[in-house]
Amino acid sequence: PLVPSLAGLIDGLVGNGHGLIMTMGK
């Protein structure tokens, strides 16, 4: 299937160039 990539997601993480990113899961 056509699915979004991690690279595309990181485009949205950039925001104002700083911040806290937390990966969470079992």
mmCIF file of all heavy atoms, coordinates in Angstrom:
data_MODEL
# 
_entry.id   MODEL 
# 
loop_
_atom_site.group_PDB 
_atom_site.id 
_atom_site.type_symbol 
_atom_site.label_atom_id 
_atom_site.label_alt_id 
_atom_site.label_comp_id 
_atom_site.label_asym_id 
_atom_site.label_entity_id 
_atom_site.label_seq_id 
_atom_site.pdbx_PDB_ins_code 
_atom_site.Cartn_x 
_atom_site.Cartn_y 
_atom_site.Cartn_z 
_atom_site.occupancy 
_atom_site.B_iso_or_equiv 
_atom_site.pdbx_formal_charge 
_atom_site.auth_seq_id 
_atom_site.auth_comp_id 
_atom_site.auth_asym_id 
_atom_site.auth_atom_id 
_atom_site.pdbx_PDB_model_num 
ATOM 1   N N   . PRO A 1 1  ? 0.835  -1.205 0.000  1.00 0.00 ? 1  PRO A N   1 
ATOM 2   C CA  . PRO A 1 1  ? 0.000  0.000  0.000  1.00 0.00 ? 1  PRO A CA  1 
ATOM 3   C C   . PRO A 1 1  ? 0.871  1.257  0.000  1.00 0.00 ? 1  PRO A C   1 
ATOM 4   O O   . PRO A 1 1  ? 2.036  1.241  0.395  1.00 0.00 ? 1  PRO A O   1 
ATOM 5   C CB  . PRO A 1 1  ? -0.774 -0.110 1.324  1.00 0.00 ? 1  PRO A CB  1 
ATOM 6   C CG  . PRO A 1 1  ? 0.104  -0.947 2.210  1.00 0.00 ? 1  PRO A CG  1 
ATOM 7   C CD  . PRO A 1 1  ? 0.848  -1.889 1.304  1.00 0.00 ? 1  PRO A CD  1 
ATOM 8   N N   . LEU A 1 2  ? 0.278  2.352  -0.460 1.00 0.00 ? 2  LEU A N   1 
ATOM 9   C CA  . LEU A 1 2  ? 0.975  3.641  -0.428 1.00 0.00 ? 2  LEU A CA  1 
ATOM 10  C C   . LEU A 1 2  ? 0.853  4.174  0.994  1.00 0.00 ? 2  LEU A C   1 
ATOM 11  O O   . LEU A 1 2  ? -0.247 4.476  1.466  1.00 0.00 ? 2  LEU A O   1 
ATOM 12  C CB  . LEU A 1 2  ? 0.320  4.604  -1.418 1.00 0.00 ? 2  LEU A CB  1 
ATOM 13  C CG  . LEU A 1 2  ? 1.043  5.935  -1.658 1.00 0.00 ? 2  LEU A CG  1 
ATOM 14  C CD1 . LEU A 1 2  ? 2.412  5.691  -2.297 1.00 0.00 ? 2  LEU A CD1 1 
ATOM 15  C CD2 . LEU A 1 2  ? 0.200  6.834  -2.553 1.00 0.00 ? 2  LEU A CD2 1 
ATOM 16  N N   . VAL A 1 3  ? 1.976  4.263  1.706  1.00 0.00 ? 3  VAL A N   1 
ATOM 17  C CA  . VAL A 1 3  ? 1.939  4.681  3.110  1.00 0.00 ? 3  VAL A CA  1 
ATOM 18  C C   . VAL A 1 3  ? 2.945  5.805  3.344  1.00 0.00 ? 3  VAL A C   1 
ATOM 19  O O   . VAL A 1 3  ? 3.943  5.915  2.632  1.00 0.00 ? 3  VAL A O   1 
ATOM 20  C CB  . VAL A 1 3  ? 2.253  3.505  4.061  1.00 0.00 ? 3  VAL A CB  1 
ATOM 21  C CG1 . VAL A 1 3  ? 1.218  2.408  3.938  1.00 0.00 ? 3  VAL A CG1 1 
ATOM 22  C CG2 . VAL A 1 3  ? 3.650  2.959  3.819  1.00 0.00 ? 3  VAL A CG2 1 
ATOM 23  N N   . PRO A 1 4  ? 2.705  6.650  4.361  1.00 0.00 ? 4  PRO A N   1 
ATOM 24  C CA  . PRO A 1 4  ? 3.648  7.729  4.674  1.00 0.00 ? 4  PRO A CA  1 
ATOM 25  C C   . PRO A 1 4  ? 4.969  7.156  5.215  1.00 0.00 ? 4  PRO A C   1 
ATOM 26  O O   . PRO A 1 4  ? 4.982  6.129  5.895  1.00 0.00 ? 4  PRO A O   1 
ATOM 27  C CB  . PRO A 1 4  ? 2.935  8.534  5.769  1.00 0.00 ? 4  PRO A CB  1 
ATOM 28  C CG  . PRO A 1 4  ? 1.532  8.041  5.803  1.00 0.00 ? 4  PRO A CG  1 
ATOM 29  C CD  . PRO A 1 4  ? 1.532  6.665  5.244  1.00 0.00 ? 4  PRO A CD  1 
ATOM 30  N N   . SER A 1 5  ? 6.067  7.827  4.904  1.00 0.00 ? 5  SER A N   1 
ATOM 31  C CA  . SER A 1 5  ? 7.390  7.394  5.359  1.00 0.00 ? 5  SER A CA  1 
ATOM 32  C C   . SER A 1 5  ? 7.813  8.174  6.592  1.00 0.00 ? 5  SER A C   1 
ATOM 33  O O   . SER A 1 5  ? 7.262  9.234  6.905  1.00 0.00 ? 5  SER A O   1 
ATOM 34  C CB  . SER A 1 5  ? 8.411  7.614  4.254  1.00 0.00 ? 5  SER A CB  1 
ATOM 35  O OG  . SER A 1 5  ? 8.594  9.006  4.043  1.00 0.00 ? 5  SER A OG  1 
ATOM 36  N N   . LEU A 1 6  ? 8.834  7.657  7.284  1.00 0.00 ? 6  LEU A N   1 
ATOM 37  C CA  . LEU A 1 6  ? 9.391  8.352  8.445  1.00 0.00 ? 6  LEU A CA  1 
ATOM 38  C C   . LEU A 1 6  ? 9.963  9.712  8.036  1.00 0.00 ? 6  LEU A C   1 
ATOM 39  O O   . LEU A 1 6  ? 9.839  10.697 8.766  1.00 0.00 ? 6  LEU A O   1 
ATOM 40  C CB  . LEU A 1 6  ? 10.467 7.484  9.105  1.00 0.00 ? 6  LEU A CB  1 
ATOM 41  C CG  . LEU A 1 6  ? 11.164 8.065  10.333 1.00 0.00 ? 6  LEU A CG  1 
ATOM 42  C CD1 . LEU A 1 6  ? 10.173 8.424  11.423 1.00 0.00 ? 6  LEU A CD1 1 
ATOM 43  C CD2 . LEU A 1 6  ? 12.202 7.079  10.878 1.00 0.00 ? 6  LEU A CD2 1 
ATOM 44  N N   . ALA A 1 7  ? 10.585 9.770  6.859  1.00 0.00 ? 7  ALA A N   1 
ATOM 45  C CA  . ALA A 1 7  ? 11.157 11.036 6.387  1.00 0.00 ? 7  ALA A CA  1 
ATOM 46  C C   . ALA A 1 7  ? 10.084 12.118 6.285  1.00 0.00 ? 7  ALA A C   1 
ATOM 47  O O   . ALA A 1 7  ? 10.294 13.274 6.675  1.00 0.00 ? 7  ALA A O   1 
ATOM 48  C CB  . ALA A 1 7  ? 11.830 10.834 5.032  1.00 0.00 ? 7  ALA A CB  1 
ATOM 49  N N   . GLY A 1 8  ? 8.899  11.734 5.769  1.00 0.00 ? 8  GLY A N   1 
ATOM 50  C CA  . GLY A 1 8  ? 7.803  12.690 5.648  1.00 0.00 ? 8  GLY A CA  1 
ATOM 51  C C   . GLY A 1 8  ? 7.311  13.165 7.003  1.00 0.00 ? 8  GLY A C   1 
ATOM 52  O O   . GLY A 1 8  ? 6.960  14.337 7.183  1.00 0.00 ? 8  GLY A O   1 
ATOM 53  N N   . LEU A 1 9  ? 7.296  12.246 7.969  1.00 0.00 ? 9  LEU A N   1 
ATOM 54  C CA  . LEU A 1 9  ? 6.863  12.592 9.316  1.00 0.00 ? 9  LEU A CA  1 
ATOM 55  C C   . LEU A 1 9  ? 7.837  13.592 9.950  1.00 0.00 ? 9  LEU A C   1 
ATOM 56  O O   . LEU A 1 9  ? 7.420  14.529 10.643 1.00 0.00 ? 9  LEU A O   1 
ATOM 57  C CB  . LEU A 1 9  ? 6.801  11.316 10.166 1.00 0.00 ? 9  LEU A CB  1 
ATOM 58  C CG  . LEU A 1 9  ? 5.797  11.283 11.326 1.00 0.00 ? 9  LEU A CG  1 
ATOM 59  C CD1 . LEU A 1 9  ? 4.383  11.507 10.834 1.00 0.00 ? 9  LEU A CD1 1 
ATOM 60  C CD2 . LEU A 1 9  ? 5.903  9.946  12.051 1.00 0.00 ? 9  LEU A CD2 1 
ATOM 61  N N   . ILE A 1 10 ? 9.131  13.421 9.709  1.00 0.00 ? 10 ILE A N   1 
ATOM 62  C CA  . ILE A 1 10 ? 10.143 14.305 10.295 1.00 0.00 ? 10 ILE A CA  1 
ATOM 63  C C   . ILE A 1 10 ? 10.001 15.726 9.755  1.00 0.00 ? 10 ILE A C   1 
ATOM 64  O O   . ILE A 1 10 ? 10.285 16.698 10.465 1.00 0.00 ? 10 ILE A O   1 
ATOM 65  C CB  . ILE A 1 10 ? 11.561 13.731 10.065 1.00 0.00 ? 10 ILE A CB  1 
ATOM 66  C CG1 . ILE A 1 10 ? 11.721 12.451 10.900 1.00 0.00 ? 10 ILE A CG1 1 
ATOM 67  C CG2 . ILE A 1 10 ? 12.649 14.741 10.433 1.00 0.00 ? 10 ILE A CG2 1 
ATOM 68  C CD1 . ILE A 1 10 ? 12.994 11.671 10.655 1.00 0.00 ? 10 ILE A CD1 1 
ATOM 69  N N   . ASP A 1 11 ? 9.513  15.870 8.514  1.00 0.00 ? 11 ASP A N   1 
ATOM 70  C CA  . ASP A 1 11 ? 9.248  17.210 7.968  1.00 0.00 ? 11 ASP A CA  1 
ATOM 71  C C   . ASP A 1 11 ? 8.332  17.994 8.912  1.00 0.00 ? 11 ASP A C   1 
ATOM 72  O O   . ASP A 1 11 ? 8.521  19.194 9.132  1.00 0.00 ? 11 ASP A O   1 
ATOM 73  C CB  . ASP A 1 11 ? 8.580  17.118 6.590  1.00 0.00 ? 11 ASP A CB  1 
ATOM 74  C CG  . ASP A 1 11 ? 9.527  16.561 5.526  1.00 0.00 ? 11 ASP A CG  1 
ATOM 75  O OD1 . ASP A 1 11 ? 10.754 16.612 5.742  1.00 0.00 ? 11 ASP A OD1 1 
ATOM 76  O OD2 . ASP A 1 11 ? 9.028  16.073 4.500  1.00 0.00 ? 11 ASP A OD2 1 
ATOM 77  N N   . GLY A 1 12 ? 7.347  17.289 9.482  1.00 0.00 ? 12 GLY A N   1 
ATOM 78  C CA  . GLY A 1 12 ? 6.406  17.946 10.400 1.00 0.00 ? 12 GLY A CA  1 
ATOM 79  C C   . GLY A 1 12 ? 6.960  18.126 11.799 1.00 0.00 ? 12 GLY A C   1 
ATOM 80  O O   . GLY A 1 12 ? 6.457  18.946 12.574 1.00 0.00 ? 12 GLY A O   1 
ATOM 81  N N   . LEU A 1 13 ? 7.981  17.335 12.167 1.00 0.00 ? 13 LEU A N   1 
ATOM 82  C CA  . LEU A 1 13 ? 8.580  17.452 13.502 1.00 0.00 ? 13 LEU A CA  1 
ATOM 83  C C   . LEU A 1 13 ? 9.450  18.703 13.630 1.00 0.00 ? 13 LEU A C   1 
ATOM 84  O O   . LEU A 1 13 ? 9.671  19.196 14.732 1.00 0.00 ? 13 LEU A O   1 
ATOM 85  C CB  . LEU A 1 13 ? 9.453  16.228 13.810 1.00 0.00 ? 13 LEU A CB  1 
ATOM 86  C CG  . LEU A 1 13 ? 8.769  14.948 14.299 1.00 0.00 ? 13 LEU A CG  1 
ATOM 87  C CD1 . LEU A 1 13 ? 9.762  13.814 14.349 1.00 0.00 ? 13 LEU A CD1 1 
ATOM 88  C CD2 . LEU A 1 13 ? 8.146  15.153 15.669 1.00 0.00 ? 13 LEU A CD2 1 
ATOM 89  N N   . VAL A 1 14 ? 9.949  19.194 12.508 1.00 0.00 ? 14 VAL A N   1 
ATOM 90  C CA  . VAL A 1 14 ? 10.936 20.282 12.536 1.00 0.00 ? 14 VAL A CA  1 
ATOM 91  C C   . VAL A 1 14 ? 10.390 21.522 13.240 1.00 0.00 ? 14 VAL A C   1 
ATOM 92  O O   . VAL A 1 14 ? 11.055 22.102 14.097 1.00 0.00 ? 14 VAL A O   1 
ATOM 93  C CB  . VAL A 1 14 ? 11.408 20.614 11.100 1.00 0.00 ? 14 VAL A CB  1 
ATOM 94  C CG1 . VAL A 1 14 ? 12.210 21.894 11.098 1.00 0.00 ? 14 VAL A CG1 1 
ATOM 95  C CG2 . VAL A 1 14 ? 12.224 19.458 10.544 1.00 0.00 ? 14 VAL A CG2 1 
ATOM 96  N N   . GLY A 1 15 ? 9.158  21.932 12.928 1.00 0.00 ? 15 GLY A N   1 
ATOM 97  C CA  . GLY A 1 15 ? 8.523  23.058 13.605 1.00 0.00 ? 15 GLY A CA  1 
ATOM 98  C C   . GLY A 1 15 ? 9.404  24.290 13.636 1.00 0.00 ? 15 GLY A C   1 
ATOM 99  O O   . GLY A 1 15 ? 9.873  24.781 12.603 1.00 0.00 ? 15 GLY A O   1 
ATOM 100 N N   . ASN A 1 16 ? 9.670  24.789 14.879 1.00 0.00 ? 16 ASN A N   1 
ATOM 101 C CA  . ASN A 1 16 ? 10.468 26.014 15.001 1.00 0.00 ? 16 ASN A CA  1 
ATOM 102 C C   . ASN A 1 16 ? 11.943 25.720 15.294 1.00 0.00 ? 16 ASN A C   1 
ATOM 103 O O   . ASN A 1 16 ? 12.661 26.566 15.812 1.00 0.00 ? 16 ASN A O   1 
ATOM 104 C CB  . ASN A 1 16 ? 9.878  26.938 16.076 1.00 0.00 ? 16 ASN A CB  1 
ATOM 105 C CG  . ASN A 1 16 ? 9.686  26.219 17.401 1.00 0.00 ? 16 ASN A CG  1 
ATOM 106 O OD1 . ASN A 1 16 ? 10.144 25.091 17.564 1.00 0.00 ? 16 ASN A OD1 1 
ATOM 107 N ND2 . ASN A 1 16 ? 9.016  26.864 18.341 1.00 0.00 ? 16 ASN A ND2 1 
ATOM 108 N N   . GLY A 1 17 ? 12.385 24.502 14.996 1.00 0.00 ? 17 GLY A N   1 
ATOM 109 C CA  . GLY A 1 17 ? 13.818 24.197 15.066 1.00 0.00 ? 17 GLY A CA  1 
ATOM 110 C C   . GLY A 1 17 ? 14.334 23.724 16.397 1.00 0.00 ? 17 GLY A C   1 
ATOM 111 O O   . GLY A 1 17 ? 15.540 23.540 16.567 1.00 0.00 ? 17 GLY A O   1 
ATOM 112 N N   . HIS A 1 18 ? 13.453 23.493 17.366 1.00 0.00 ? 18 HIS A N   1 
ATOM 113 C CA  . HIS A 1 18 ? 13.871 22.914 18.654 1.00 0.00 ? 18 HIS A CA  1 
ATOM 114 C C   . HIS A 1 18 ? 12.645 22.318 19.331 1.00 0.00 ? 18 HIS A C   1 
ATOM 115 O O   . HIS A 1 18 ? 11.504 22.526 18.903 1.00 0.00 ? 18 HIS A O   1 
ATOM 116 C CB  . HIS A 1 18 ? 14.528 23.979 19.554 1.00 0.00 ? 18 HIS A CB  1 
ATOM 117 C CG  . HIS A 1 18 ? 13.612 25.114 19.912 1.00 0.00 ? 18 HIS A CG  1 
ATOM 118 N ND1 . HIS A 1 18 ? 12.706 25.058 20.942 1.00 0.00 ? 18 HIS A ND1 1 
ATOM 119 C CD2 . HIS A 1 18 ? 13.443 26.342 19.346 1.00 0.00 ? 18 HIS A CD2 1 
ATOM 120 C CE1 . HIS A 1 18 ? 12.036 26.193 21.022 1.00 0.00 ? 18 HIS A CE1 1 
ATOM 121 N NE2 . HIS A 1 18 ? 12.454 26.987 20.040 1.00 0.00 ? 18 HIS A NE2 1 
ATOM 122 N N   . GLY A 1 19 ? 12.870 21.575 20.413 1.00 0.00 ? 19 GLY A N   1 
ATOM 123 C CA  . GLY A 1 19 ? 11.758 20.976 21.150 1.00 0.00 ? 19 GLY A CA  1 
ATOM 124 C C   . GLY A 1 19 ? 12.082 19.577 21.625 1.00 0.00 ? 19 GLY A C   1 
ATOM 125 O O   . GLY A 1 19 ? 13.134 19.014 21.324 1.00 0.00 ? 19 GLY A O   1 
ATOM 126 N N   . LEU A 1 20 ? 11.149 19.014 22.397 1.00 0.00 ? 20 LEU A N   1 
ATOM 127 C CA  . LEU A 1 20 ? 11.303 17.682 22.975 1.00 0.00 ? 20 LEU A CA  1 
ATOM 128 C C   . LEU A 1 20 ? 10.522 16.670 22.137 1.00 0.00 ? 20 LEU A C   1 
ATOM 129 O O   . LEU A 1 20 ? 9.341  16.874 21.851 1.00 0.00 ? 20 LEU A O   1 
ATOM 130 C CB  . LEU A 1 20 ? 10.777 17.680 24.414 1.00 0.00 ? 20 LEU A CB  1 
ATOM 131 C CG  . LEU A 1 20 ? 10.767 16.359 25.163 1.00 0.00 ? 20 LEU A CG  1 
ATOM 132 C CD1 . LEU A 1 20 ? 12.179 15.816 25.343 1.00 0.00 ? 20 LEU A CD1 1 
ATOM 133 C CD2 . LEU A 1 20 ? 10.082 16.519 26.526 1.00 0.00 ? 20 LEU A CD2 1 
ATOM 134 N N   . ILE A 1 21 ? 11.183 15.591 21.734 1.00 0.00 ? 21 ILE A N   1 
ATOM 135 C CA  . ILE A 1 21 ? 10.537 14.499 20.986 1.00 0.00 ? 21 ILE A CA  1 
ATOM 136 C C   . ILE A 1 21 ? 10.717 13.227 21.801 1.00 0.00 ? 21 ILE A C   1 
ATOM 137 O O   . ILE A 1 21 ? 11.845 12.850 22.138 1.00 0.00 ? 21 ILE A O   1 
ATOM 138 C CB  . ILE A 1 21 ? 11.167 14.337 19.591 1.00 0.00 ? 21 ILE A CB  1 
ATOM 139 C CG1 . ILE A 1 21 ? 10.976 15.617 18.760 1.00 0.00 ? 21 ILE A CG1 1 
ATOM 140 C CG2 . ILE A 1 21 ? 10.551 13.134 18.856 1.00 0.00 ? 21 ILE A CG2 1 
ATOM 141 C CD1 . ILE A 1 21 ? 11.840 15.678 17.515 1.00 0.00 ? 21 ILE A CD1 1 
ATOM 142 N N   . MET A 1 22 ? 9.600  12.566 22.145 1.00 0.00 ? 22 MET A N   1 
ATOM 143 C CA  . MET A 1 22 ? 9.659  11.349 22.961 1.00 0.00 ? 22 MET A CA  1 
ATOM 144 C C   . MET A 1 22 ? 9.075  10.184 22.180 1.00 0.00 ? 22 MET A C   1 
ATOM 145 O O   . MET A 1 22 ? 7.930  10.258 21.723 1.00 0.00 ? 22 MET A O   1 
ATOM 146 C CB  . MET A 1 22 ? 8.866  11.537 24.260 1.00 0.00 ? 22 MET A CB  1 
ATOM 147 C CG  . MET A 1 22 ? 9.311  12.715 25.098 1.00 0.00 ? 22 MET A CG  1 
ATOM 148 S SD  . MET A 1 22 ? 8.085  13.125 26.381 1.00 0.00 ? 22 MET A SD  1 
ATOM 149 C CE  . MET A 1 22 ? 8.814  12.338 27.792 1.00 0.00 ? 22 MET A CE  1 
ATOM 150 N N   . THR A 1 23 ? 9.843  9.114  21.996 1.00 0.00 ? 23 THR A N   1 
ATOM 151 C CA  . THR A 1 23 ? 9.281  7.896  21.391 1.00 0.00 ? 23 THR A CA  1 
ATOM 152 C C   . THR A 1 23 ? 8.780  7.011  22.526 1.00 0.00 ? 23 THR A C   1 
ATOM 153 O O   . THR A 1 23 ? 9.451  6.837  23.534 1.00 0.00 ? 23 THR A O   1 
ATOM 154 C CB  . THR A 1 23 ? 10.320 7.145  20.541 1.00 0.00 ? 23 THR A CB  1 
ATOM 155 O OG1 . THR A 1 23 ? 11.441 6.786  21.354 1.00 0.00 ? 23 THR A OG1 1 
ATOM 156 C CG2 . THR A 1 23 ? 10.786 7.988  19.376 1.00 0.00 ? 23 THR A CG2 1 
ATOM 157 N N   . MET A 1 24 ? 7.601  6.464  22.335 1.00 0.00 ? 24 MET A N   1 
ATOM 158 C CA  . MET A 1 24 ? 6.932  5.744  23.422 1.00 0.00 ? 24 MET A CA  1 
ATOM 159 C C   . MET A 1 24 ? 6.307  4.473  22.890 1.00 0.00 ? 24 MET A C   1 
ATOM 160 O O   . MET A 1 24 ? 5.786  4.437  21.780 1.00 0.00 ? 24 MET A O   1 
ATOM 161 C CB  . MET A 1 24 ? 5.865  6.646  24.029 1.00 0.00 ? 24 MET A CB  1 
ATOM 162 C CG  . MET A 1 24 ? 5.198  6.071  25.255 1.00 0.00 ? 24 MET A CG  1 
ATOM 163 S SD  . MET A 1 24 ? 4.142  7.318  26.018 1.00 0.00 ? 24 MET A SD  1 
ATOM 164 C CE  . MET A 1 24 ? 3.579  6.416  27.452 1.00 0.00 ? 24 MET A CE  1 
ATOM 165 N N   . GLY A 1 25 ? 6.352  3.416  23.690 1.00 0.00 ? 25 GLY A N   1 
ATOM 166 C CA  . GLY A 1 25 ? 5.735  2.149  23.294 1.00 0.00 ? 25 GLY A CA  1 
ATOM 167 C C   . GLY A 1 25 ? 6.174  1.043  24.221 1.00 0.00 ? 25 GLY A C   1 
ATOM 168 O O   . GLY A 1 25 ? 7.044  1.243  25.073 1.00 0.00 ? 25 GLY A O   1 
ATOM 169 N N   . LYS A 1 26 ? 5.581  -0.118 24.067 1.00 0.00 ? 26 LYS A N   1 
ATOM 170 C CA  . LYS A 1 26 ? 5.938  -1.273 24.893 1.00 0.00 ? 26 LYS A CA  1 
ATOM 171 C C   . LYS A 1 26 ? 7.323  -1.779 24.494 1.00 0.00 ? 26 LYS A C   1 
ATOM 172 O O   . LYS A 1 26 ? 7.852  -1.444 23.434 1.00 0.00 ? 26 LYS A O   1 
ATOM 173 C CB  . LYS A 1 26 ? 4.895  -2.381 24.715 1.00 0.00 ? 26 LYS A CB  1 
ATOM 174 C CG  . LYS A 1 26 ? 3.533  -2.023 25.292 1.00 0.00 ? 26 LYS A CG  1 
ATOM 175 C CD  . LYS A 1 26 ? 3.545  -2.033 26.815 1.00 0.00 ? 26 LYS A CD  1 
ATOM 176 C CE  . LYS A 1 26 ? 2.155  -1.785 27.394 1.00 0.00 ? 26 LYS A CE  1 
ATOM 177 N NZ  . LYS A 1 26 ? 2.120  -1.923 28.844 1.00 0.00 ? 26 LYS A NZ  1 
# 
